[in-house]
Amino acid sequence: MVVSANIPLGSNHFLLKFTHKEQLPEMLPGQFVQVRVDNAPGVFLRRPISVNFVDQQKNELWLLVQKVGEGTRKMSEYKTGDVVNMLLPLGNSFTMPQSAQSRLLLVGGGVGIAPLLYMGSLLKQQGCNPMFLLGARSADGLMQIDDFKQFGEVFITTEDGSAGEKGFVTQHSKLQEHIDKIYTCGPTPMMQAVARFAQNNDIECEASLENKMACGFGACLCCVTQTQSGHKCVCSEGPVFNTKELSWQI
């Protein structure tokens, strides 16, 4: 893959765009890639990054990345024209609704908003009118809002009240309305709170987990999570699970 753009998004996030001389393989919302970080002596494992968006006309893949360690800091230095080795696509995907009339809410927090943009674009193509509920600690942590607005109505919460409604995503007034299904990705406590809300209100909910991964295809077992039917690898049997399957204490 060849870097076509590296766009800083605040101090801790950046958007990488990649293209390829051949047609990109089909990628589904919720899937991820494993990036090999070269020229970084202390980075031995590939980095799992959610598919943020696929621009089919430009044959371009977007990855929204947070700088959290040596690997992602090295990735933040990529320049246009750099060649990057990655495995893709990996994992399963969100489930598309059976009816375009379904009221769908996509809930994301922090960099966990990444897979929801691509999911929203495909829902829009299917004739749905998805709603996005995006949370951050403050206005400075909000990203890609204009991109999300292309595919549906956007609602915002910030913990300090600097944008949108003050509080957590599960406290937003939009949740008082009728919802048929929720898709969510973000910090585990946030997703557990969303799953609790969905359970209490008899709403179907799918969550994309962000467990630490090494191999990306189920060999190393470092991303295992406990489900109602036993341990499952998030990388190969997820990362998307119906929250009813997960053994969360909600």
C-alpha atoms as a PDB file:
ATOM      1  CA  MET A   1       0.000   0.000   0.000  1.00  0.00           C
ATOM      2  CA  VAL A   2       1.199   3.507  -0.818  1.00  0.00           C
ATOM      3  CA  VAL A   3       0.537   6.528   1.413  1.00  0.00           C
ATOM      4  CA  SER A   4      -1.473   9.123  -0.504  1.00  0.00           C
ATOM      5  CA  ALA A   5      -2.018  11.506   2.441  1.00  0.00           C
ATOM      6  CA  ASN A   6      -1.165  11.940   6.121  1.00  0.00           C
ATOM      7  CA  ILE A   7      -3.484  14.485   7.745  1.00  0.00           C
ATOM      8  CA  PRO A   8      -2.934  15.566  11.391  1.00  0.00           C
ATOM      9  CA  LEU A   9      -6.152  15.715  13.439  1.00  0.00           C
ATOM     10  CA  GLY A  10      -5.212  17.525  16.604  1.00  0.00           C
ATOM     11  CA  SER A  11      -2.190  16.604  18.705  1.00  0.00           C
ATOM     12  CA  ASN A  12      -2.865  12.891  19.180  1.00  0.00           C
ATOM     13  CA  HIS A  13      -4.660  11.683  16.047  1.00  0.00           C
ATOM     14  CA  PHE A  14      -3.992  11.544  12.345  1.00  0.00           C
ATOM     15  CA  LEU A  15      -5.705  10.276   9.215  1.00  0.00           C
ATOM     16  CA  LEU A  16      -3.721   8.072   6.835  1.00  0.00           C
ATOM     17  CA  LYS A  17      -4.927   7.519   3.295  1.00  0.00           C
ATOM     18  CA  PHE A  18      -3.550   4.679   1.185  1.00  0.00           C
ATOM     19  CA  THR A  19      -3.912   3.617  -2.403  1.00  0.00           C
ATOM     20  CA  HIS A  20      -2.652   0.695  -4.477  1.00  0.00           C
ATOM     21  CA  LYS A  21      -1.769   0.045  -8.094  1.00  0.00           C
ATOM     22  CA  GLU A  22      -4.309  -2.801  -8.124  1.00  0.00           C
ATOM     23  CA  GLN A  23      -7.977  -2.652  -7.141  1.00  0.00           C
ATOM     24  CA  LEU A  24      -8.413  -2.873  -3.377  1.00  0.00           C
ATOM     25  CA  PRO A  25     -10.186  -6.010  -2.142  1.00  0.00           C
ATOM     26  CA  GLU A  26     -13.734  -5.712  -0.883  1.00  0.00           C
ATOM     27  CA  MET A  27     -13.765  -4.459   2.686  1.00  0.00           C
ATOM     28  CA  LEU A  28     -16.709  -4.527   5.070  1.00  0.00           C
ATOM     29  CA  PRO A  29     -17.579  -2.099   7.883  1.00  0.00           C
ATOM     30  CA  GLY A  30     -16.044  -3.242  11.138  1.00  0.00           C
ATOM     31  CA  GLN A  31     -13.094  -5.045   9.579  1.00  0.00           C
ATOM     32  CA  PHE A  32      -9.517  -4.026  10.307  1.00  0.00           C
ATOM     33  CA  VAL A  33      -6.002  -4.179   8.906  1.00  0.00           C
ATOM     34  CA  GLN A  34      -2.671  -5.192  10.438  1.00  0.00           C
ATOM     35  CA  VAL A  35       0.068  -2.665   9.677  1.00  0.00           C
ATOM     36  CA  ARG A  36       3.743  -3.654   9.730  1.00  0.00           C
ATOM     37  CA  VAL A  37       5.740  -0.759  11.140  1.00  0.00           C
ATOM     38  CA  ASP A  38       9.168  -0.791   9.492  1.00  0.00           C
ATOM     39  CA  ASN A  39      12.285   1.096  10.593  1.00  0.00           C
ATOM     40  CA  ALA A  40      11.164   1.011  14.213  1.00  0.00           C
ATOM     41  CA  PRO A  41      13.576  -1.274  16.134  1.00  0.00           C
ATOM     42  CA  GLY A  42      11.361  -1.504  19.211  1.00  0.00           C
ATOM     43  CA  VAL A  43       8.204  -2.440  17.302  1.00  0.00           C
ATOM     44  CA  PHE A  44       7.996  -6.176  16.649  1.00  0.00           C
ATOM     45  CA  LEU A  45       4.277  -6.714  16.102  1.00  0.00           C
ATOM     46  CA  ARG A  46       1.882  -5.371  13.496  1.00  0.00           C
ATOM     47  CA  ARG A  47      -0.578  -2.738  14.622  1.00  0.00           C
ATOM     48  CA  PRO A  48      -4.332  -3.457  14.246  1.00  0.00           C
ATOM     49  CA  ILE A  49      -6.226  -0.459  12.845  1.00  0.00           C
ATOM     50  CA  SER A  50      -9.941  -0.282  12.007  1.00  0.00           C
ATOM     51  CA  VAL A  51     -11.035   0.455   8.465  1.00  0.00           C
ATOM     52  CA  ASN A  52     -12.215   4.055   8.675  1.00  0.00           C
ATOM     53  CA  PHE A  53     -13.435   4.514   5.119  1.00  0.00           C
ATOM     54  CA  VAL A  54     -13.011   3.119   1.618  1.00  0.00           C
ATOM     55  CA  ASP A  55     -13.199   5.563  -1.281  1.00  0.00           C
ATOM     56  CA  GLN A  56     -13.978   3.232  -4.160  1.00  0.00           C
ATOM     57  CA  GLN A  57     -13.673   5.930  -6.829  1.00  0.00           C
ATOM     58  CA  LYS A  58     -10.142   6.809  -5.733  1.00  0.00           C
ATOM     59  CA  ASN A  59      -9.290   3.198  -4.781  1.00  0.00           C
ATOM     60  CA  GLU A  60      -8.312   4.625  -1.396  1.00  0.00           C
ATOM     61  CA  LEU A  61      -8.310   3.219   2.130  1.00  0.00           C
ATOM     62  CA  TRP A  62      -8.525   5.521   5.174  1.00  0.00           C
ATOM     63  CA  LEU A  63      -7.153   4.677   8.614  1.00  0.00           C
ATOM     64  CA  LEU A  64      -7.861   6.910  11.619  1.00  0.00           C
ATOM     65  CA  VAL A  65      -5.003   6.466  14.102  1.00  0.00           C
ATOM     66  CA  GLN A  66      -4.300   7.595  17.657  1.00  0.00           C
ATOM     67  CA  LYS A  67      -0.720   8.079  18.790  1.00  0.00           C
ATOM     68  CA  VAL A  68      -0.402   5.850  21.859  1.00  0.00           C
ATOM     69  CA  GLY A  69       2.989   4.181  21.555  1.00  0.00           C
ATOM     70  CA  GLU A  70       6.154   3.837  19.525  1.00  0.00           C
ATOM     71  CA  GLY A  71       4.418   2.033  16.659  1.00  0.00           C
ATOM     72  CA  THR A  72       1.668   4.573  16.071  1.00  0.00           C
ATOM     73  CA  ARG A  73       4.078   7.470  16.611  1.00  0.00           C
ATOM     74  CA  LYS A  74       6.233   6.024  13.828  1.00  0.00           C
ATOM     75  CA  MET A  75       3.147   5.719  11.637  1.00  0.00           C
ATOM     76  CA  SER A  76       2.398   9.393  12.243  1.00  0.00           C
ATOM     77  CA  GLU A  77       5.648  10.172  10.395  1.00  0.00           C
ATOM     78  CA  TYR A  78       4.568   8.467   7.155  1.00  0.00           C
ATOM     79  CA  LYS A  79       4.925  10.675   4.107  1.00  0.00           C
ATOM     80  CA  THR A  80       3.152  10.682   0.759  1.00  0.00           C
ATOM     81  CA  GLY A  81       4.678   7.976  -1.418  1.00  0.00           C
ATOM     82  CA  ASP A  82       5.841   5.757   1.461  1.00  0.00           C
ATOM     83  CA  VAL A  83       5.165   2.064   0.891  1.00  0.00           C
ATOM     84  CA  VAL A  84       3.535   0.263   3.834  1.00  0.00           C
ATOM     85  CA  ASN A  85       3.057  -3.471   4.275  1.00  0.00           C
ATOM     86  CA  MET A  86      -0.322  -4.477   5.680  1.00  0.00           C
ATOM     87  CA  LEU A  87      -2.638  -7.463   5.902  1.00  0.00           C
ATOM     88  CA  LEU A  88      -6.235  -6.756   4.888  1.00  0.00           C
ATOM     89  CA  PRO A  89      -9.081  -7.124   5.337  1.00  0.00           C
ATOM     90  CA  LEU A  90      -9.302  -9.041   8.612  1.00  0.00           C
ATOM     91  CA  GLY A  91     -12.138  -9.941  10.976  1.00  0.00           C
ATOM     92  CA  ASN A  92     -15.895  -9.940  10.589  1.00  0.00           C
ATOM     93  CA  SER A  93     -18.205  -6.976  10.105  1.00  0.00           C
ATOM     94  CA  PHE A  94     -21.271  -5.166  11.354  1.00  0.00           C
ATOM     95  CA  THR A  95     -24.588  -6.655  10.224  1.00  0.00           C
ATOM     96  CA  MET A  96     -26.578  -4.626   7.739  1.00  0.00           C
ATOM     97  CA  PRO A  97     -30.234  -4.050   8.705  1.00  0.00           C
ATOM     98  CA  GLN A  98     -33.014  -5.962   6.968  1.00  0.00           C
ATOM     99  CA  SER A  99     -35.092  -2.829   6.466  1.00  0.00           C
ATOM    100  CA  ALA A 100     -34.028   0.596   5.244  1.00  0.00           C
ATOM    101  CA  GLN A 101     -36.745   2.023   7.491  1.00  0.00           C
ATOM    102  CA  SER A 102     -34.986   0.920  10.680  1.00  0.00           C
ATOM    103  CA  ARG A 103     -33.957   3.683  13.066  1.00  0.00           C
ATOM    104  CA  LEU A 104     -30.252   3.082  13.451  1.00  0.00           C
ATOM    105  CA  LEU A 105     -27.943   4.788  15.939  1.00  0.00           C
ATOM    106  CA  LEU A 106     -24.154   4.556  15.594  1.00  0.00           C
ATOM    107  CA  VAL A 107     -22.406   5.419  18.862  1.00  0.00           C
ATOM    108  CA  GLY A 108     -18.681   6.113  19.020  1.00  0.00           C
ATOM    109  CA  GLY A 109     -16.171   7.542  21.444  1.00  0.00           C
ATOM    110  CA  GLY A 110     -12.657   8.793  20.795  1.00  0.00           C
ATOM    111  CA  VAL A 111     -10.813   6.991  18.015  1.00  0.00           C
ATOM    112  CA  GLY A 112     -13.549   4.337  18.282  1.00  0.00           C
ATOM    113  CA  ILE A 113     -15.574   6.431  15.848  1.00  0.00           C
ATOM    114  CA  ALA A 114     -13.336   5.057  13.065  1.00  0.00           C
ATOM    115  CA  PRO A 115     -15.373   2.074  11.785  1.00  0.00           C
ATOM    116  CA  LEU A 116     -18.664   3.938  12.106  1.00  0.00           C
ATOM    117  CA  LEU A 117     -17.886   6.304   9.230  1.00  0.00           C
ATOM    118  CA  TYR A 118     -17.603   3.502   6.687  1.00  0.00           C
ATOM    119  CA  MET A 119     -20.621   1.752   8.182  1.00  0.00           C
ATOM    120  CA  GLY A 120     -22.623   4.967   7.878  1.00  0.00           C
ATOM    121  CA  SER A 121     -21.645   5.410   4.243  1.00  0.00           C
ATOM    122  CA  LEU A 122     -22.835   1.905   3.334  1.00  0.00           C
ATOM    123  CA  LEU A 123     -26.058   2.349   5.289  1.00  0.00           C
ATOM    124  CA  LYS A 124     -26.706   5.534   3.333  1.00  0.00           C
ATOM    125  CA  GLN A 125     -26.077   3.666   0.066  1.00  0.00           C
ATOM    126  CA  GLN A 126     -28.647   1.088   1.182  1.00  0.00           C
ATOM    127  CA  GLY A 127     -31.277   3.820   1.631  1.00  0.00           C
ATOM    128  CA  CYS A 128     -31.054   4.125   5.413  1.00  0.00           C
ATOM    129  CA  ASN A 129     -30.855   7.375   7.344  1.00  0.00           C
ATOM    130  CA  PRO A 130     -28.405   6.545  10.134  1.00  0.00           C
ATOM    131  CA  MET A 131     -27.890   8.780  13.154  1.00  0.00           C
ATOM    132  CA  PHE A 132     -24.471   9.261  14.735  1.00  0.00           C
ATOM    133  CA  LEU A 133     -23.872   9.916  18.421  1.00  0.00           C
ATOM    134  CA  LEU A 134     -20.223  10.836  18.921  1.00  0.00           C
ATOM    135  CA  GLY A 135     -18.565  11.454  22.260  1.00  0.00           C
ATOM    136  CA  ALA A 136     -15.290  12.984  23.408  1.00  0.00           C
ATOM    137  CA  ARG A 137     -13.805  14.470  26.535  1.00  0.00           C
ATOM    138  CA  SER A 138     -13.851  17.937  24.974  1.00  0.00           C
ATOM    139  CA  ALA A 139     -14.452  19.658  21.640  1.00  0.00           C
ATOM    140  CA  ASP A 140     -10.762  19.248  20.810  1.00  0.00           C
ATOM    141  CA  GLY A 141     -11.256  15.480  20.701  1.00  0.00           C
ATOM    142  CA  LEU A 142     -14.000  15.515  18.073  1.00  0.00           C
ATOM    143  CA  MET A 143     -12.939  14.323  14.618  1.00  0.00           C
ATOM    144  CA  GLN A 144     -14.381  13.903  11.110  1.00  0.00           C
ATOM    145  CA  ILE A 145     -17.661  15.578  12.008  1.00  0.00           C
ATOM    146  CA  ASP A 146     -18.124  16.972   8.494  1.00  0.00           C
ATOM    147  CA  ASP A 147     -17.447  13.519   7.027  1.00  0.00           C
ATOM    148  CA  PHE A 148     -20.110  11.958   9.241  1.00  0.00           C
ATOM    149  CA  LYS A 149     -22.619  14.656   8.293  1.00  0.00           C
ATOM    150  CA  GLN A 150     -22.472  13.426   4.676  1.00  0.00           C
ATOM    151  CA  PHE A 151     -24.192  10.204   5.714  1.00  0.00           C
ATOM    152  CA  GLY A 152     -26.587  11.113   8.503  1.00  0.00           C
ATOM    153  CA  GLU A 153     -27.547  13.414  11.352  1.00  0.00           C
ATOM    154  CA  VAL A 154     -24.783  13.922  13.922  1.00  0.00           C
ATOM    155  CA  PHE A 155     -25.281  14.387  17.670  1.00  0.00           C
ATOM    156  CA  ILE A 156     -22.441  15.152  20.061  1.00  0.00           C
ATOM    157  CA  THR A 157     -21.591  14.817  23.725  1.00  0.00           C
ATOM    158  CA  THR A 158     -18.517  16.121  25.490  1.00  0.00           C
ATOM    159  CA  GLU A 159     -17.670  15.435  29.100  1.00  0.00           C
ATOM    160  CA  ASP A 160     -16.844  19.100  29.742  1.00  0.00           C
ATOM    161  CA  GLY A 161     -19.776  20.508  27.751  1.00  0.00           C
ATOM    162  CA  SER A 162     -17.530  22.352  25.278  1.00  0.00           C
ATOM    163  CA  ALA A 163     -19.551  20.942  22.339  1.00  0.00           C
ATOM    164  CA  GLY A 164     -22.956  19.291  22.042  1.00  0.00           C
ATOM    165  CA  GLU A 165     -24.615  18.068  25.208  1.00  0.00           C
ATOM    166  CA  LYS A 166     -22.574  17.778  28.387  1.00  0.00           C
ATOM    167  CA  GLY A 167     -21.990  14.281  29.728  1.00  0.00           C
ATOM    168  CA  PHE A 168     -21.516  10.781  28.373  1.00  0.00           C
ATOM    169  CA  VAL A 169     -23.064   9.366  25.205  1.00  0.00           C
ATOM    170  CA  THR A 170     -25.540   7.308  27.244  1.00  0.00           C
ATOM    171  CA  GLN A 171     -26.876  10.535  28.774  1.00  0.00           C
ATOM    172  CA  HIS A 172     -27.725  12.184  25.445  1.00  0.00           C
ATOM    173  CA  SER A 173     -31.352  13.189  24.937  1.00  0.00           C
ATOM    174  CA  LYS A 174     -31.434  11.364  21.583  1.00  0.00           C
ATOM    175  CA  LEU A 175     -31.592   8.095  23.492  1.00  0.00           C
ATOM    176  CA  GLN A 176     -35.089   8.999  24.675  1.00  0.00           C
ATOM    177  CA  GLU A 177     -36.380   8.423  21.135  1.00  0.00           C
ATOM    178  CA  HIS A 178     -37.294   5.123  19.501  1.00  0.00           C
ATOM    179  CA  ILE A 179     -34.263   3.167  18.239  1.00  0.00           C
ATOM    180  CA  ASP A 180     -34.320  -0.189  16.450  1.00  0.00           C
ATOM    181  CA  LYS A 181     -30.614  -1.026  16.555  1.00  0.00           C
ATOM    182  CA  ILE A 182     -27.341   0.360  17.882  1.00  0.00           C
ATOM    183  CA  TYR A 183     -23.832  -0.088  16.517  1.00  0.00           C
ATOM    184  CA  THR A 184     -21.001   1.001  18.809  1.00  0.00           C
ATOM    185  CA  CYS A 185     -17.230   1.224  19.056  1.00  0.00           C
ATOM    186  CA  GLY A 186     -15.004   2.987  21.549  1.00  0.00           C
ATOM    187  CA  PRO A 187     -13.574   2.550  25.053  1.00  0.00           C
ATOM    188  CA  THR A 188     -14.829  -0.621  26.736  1.00  0.00           C
ATOM    189  CA  PRO A 189     -16.591   1.199  29.637  1.00  0.00           C
ATOM    190  CA  MET A 190     -18.489   3.295  27.096  1.00  0.00           C
ATOM    191  CA  MET A 191     -19.514   0.250  25.056  1.00  0.00           C
ATOM    192  CA  GLN A 192     -20.611  -1.573  28.207  1.00  0.00           C
ATOM    193  CA  ALA A 193     -22.769   1.406  29.160  1.00  0.00           C
ATOM    194  CA  VAL A 194     -24.279   1.442  25.664  1.00  0.00           C
ATOM    195  CA  ALA A 195     -24.880  -2.326  25.889  1.00  0.00           C
ATOM    196  CA  ARG A 196     -26.588  -1.853  29.255  1.00  0.00           C
ATOM    197  CA  PHE A 197     -28.864   0.806  27.783  1.00  0.00           C
ATOM    198  CA  ALA A 198     -29.663  -1.455  24.818  1.00  0.00           C
ATOM    199  CA  GLN A 199     -30.417  -4.412  27.094  1.00  0.00           C
ATOM    200  CA  ASN A 200     -32.664  -2.379  29.376  1.00  0.00           C
ATOM    201  CA  ASN A 201     -34.619  -1.064  26.393  1.00  0.00           C
ATOM    202  CA  ASP A 202     -34.746  -4.298  24.364  1.00  0.00           C
ATOM    203  CA  ILE A 203     -32.643  -2.878  21.513  1.00  0.00           C
ATOM    204  CA  GLU A 204     -30.334  -4.984  19.368  1.00  0.00           C
ATOM    205  CA  CYS A 205     -26.745  -3.841  19.747  1.00  0.00           C
ATOM    206  CA  GLU A 206     -23.485  -4.742  18.028  1.00  0.00           C
ATOM    207  CA  ALA A 207     -20.100  -3.699  19.403  1.00  0.00           C
ATOM    208  CA  SER A 208     -16.711  -3.651  17.716  1.00  0.00           C
ATOM    209  CA  LEU A 209     -14.132  -4.614  20.346  1.00  0.00           C
ATOM    210  CA  GLU A 210     -10.675  -3.090  20.497  1.00  0.00           C
ATOM    211  CA  ASN A 211      -8.704  -5.797  22.328  1.00  0.00           C
ATOM    212  CA  LYS A 212      -4.930  -5.827  21.964  1.00  0.00           C
ATOM    213  CA  MET A 213      -3.879  -8.040  19.066  1.00  0.00           C
ATOM    214  CA  ALA A 214      -0.645  -9.500  17.743  1.00  0.00           C
ATOM    215  CA  CYS A 215      -1.181 -11.863  14.814  1.00  0.00           C
ATOM    216  CA  GLY A 216      -4.605 -10.759  13.592  1.00  0.00           C
ATOM    217  CA  PHE A 217      -5.826 -14.201  12.527  1.00  0.00           C
ATOM    218  CA  GLY A 218      -6.375 -16.264  15.679  1.00  0.00           C
ATOM    219  CA  ALA A 219      -3.002 -17.938  16.231  1.00  0.00           C
ATOM    220  CA  CYS A 220      -1.520 -16.100  19.219  1.00  0.00           C
ATOM    221  CA  LEU A 221      -4.697 -15.977  21.390  1.00  0.00           C
ATOM    222  CA  CYS A 222      -3.734 -12.667  23.022  1.00  0.00           C
ATOM    223  CA  CYS A 223      -7.034 -10.983  22.055  1.00  0.00           C
ATOM    224  CA  VAL A 224      -9.378 -13.634  23.487  1.00  0.00           C
ATOM    225  CA  THR A 225     -12.592 -12.436  25.103  1.00  0.00           C
ATOM    226  CA  GLN A 226     -15.140 -14.337  27.169  1.00  0.00           C
ATOM    227  CA  THR A 227     -18.551 -14.880  25.567  1.00  0.00           C
ATOM    228  CA  GLN A 228     -21.705 -16.765  26.502  1.00  0.00           C
ATOM    229  CA  SER A 229     -20.433 -19.692  24.383  1.00  0.00           C
ATOM    230  CA  GLY A 230     -16.844 -19.694  25.656  1.00  0.00           C
ATOM    231  CA  HIS A 231     -13.640 -17.906  24.781  1.00  0.00           C
ATOM    232  CA  LYS A 232     -13.407 -16.386  21.301  1.00  0.00           C
ATOM    233  CA  CYS A 233     -10.629 -14.613  19.427  1.00  0.00           C
ATOM    234  CA  VAL A 234     -11.599 -11.021  18.764  1.00  0.00           C
ATOM    235  CA  CYS A 235      -9.403 -10.867  15.657  1.00  0.00           C
ATOM    236  CA  SER A 236     -10.804 -13.920  13.862  1.00  0.00           C
ATOM    237  CA  GLU A 237     -14.273 -14.386  15.405  1.00  0.00           C
ATOM    238  CA  GLY A 238     -14.829 -10.657  15.852  1.00  0.00           C
ATOM    239  CA  PRO A 239     -14.103  -7.844  16.271  1.00  0.00           C
ATOM    240  CA  VAL A 240     -17.871  -7.303  15.978  1.00  0.00           C
ATOM    241  CA  PHE A 241     -20.132  -9.120  18.428  1.00  0.00           C
ATOM    242  CA  ASN A 242     -23.779  -8.861  19.348  1.00  0.00           C
ATOM    243  CA  THR A 243     -23.581  -7.549  22.906  1.00  0.00           C
ATOM    244  CA  LYS A 244     -25.912 -10.345  24.047  1.00  0.00           C
ATOM    245  CA  GLU A 245     -23.065 -12.768  23.238  1.00  0.00           C
ATOM    246  CA  LEU A 246     -20.523 -11.028  25.459  1.00  0.00           C
ATOM    247  CA  SER A 247     -19.960 -11.896  29.107  1.00  0.00           C
ATOM    248  CA  TRP A 248     -20.023  -8.295  30.227  1.00  0.00           C
ATOM    249  CA  GLN A 249     -21.250  -7.453  33.700  1.00  0.00           C
ATOM    250  CA  ILE A 250     -23.850  -4.940  32.611  1.00  0.00           C
END
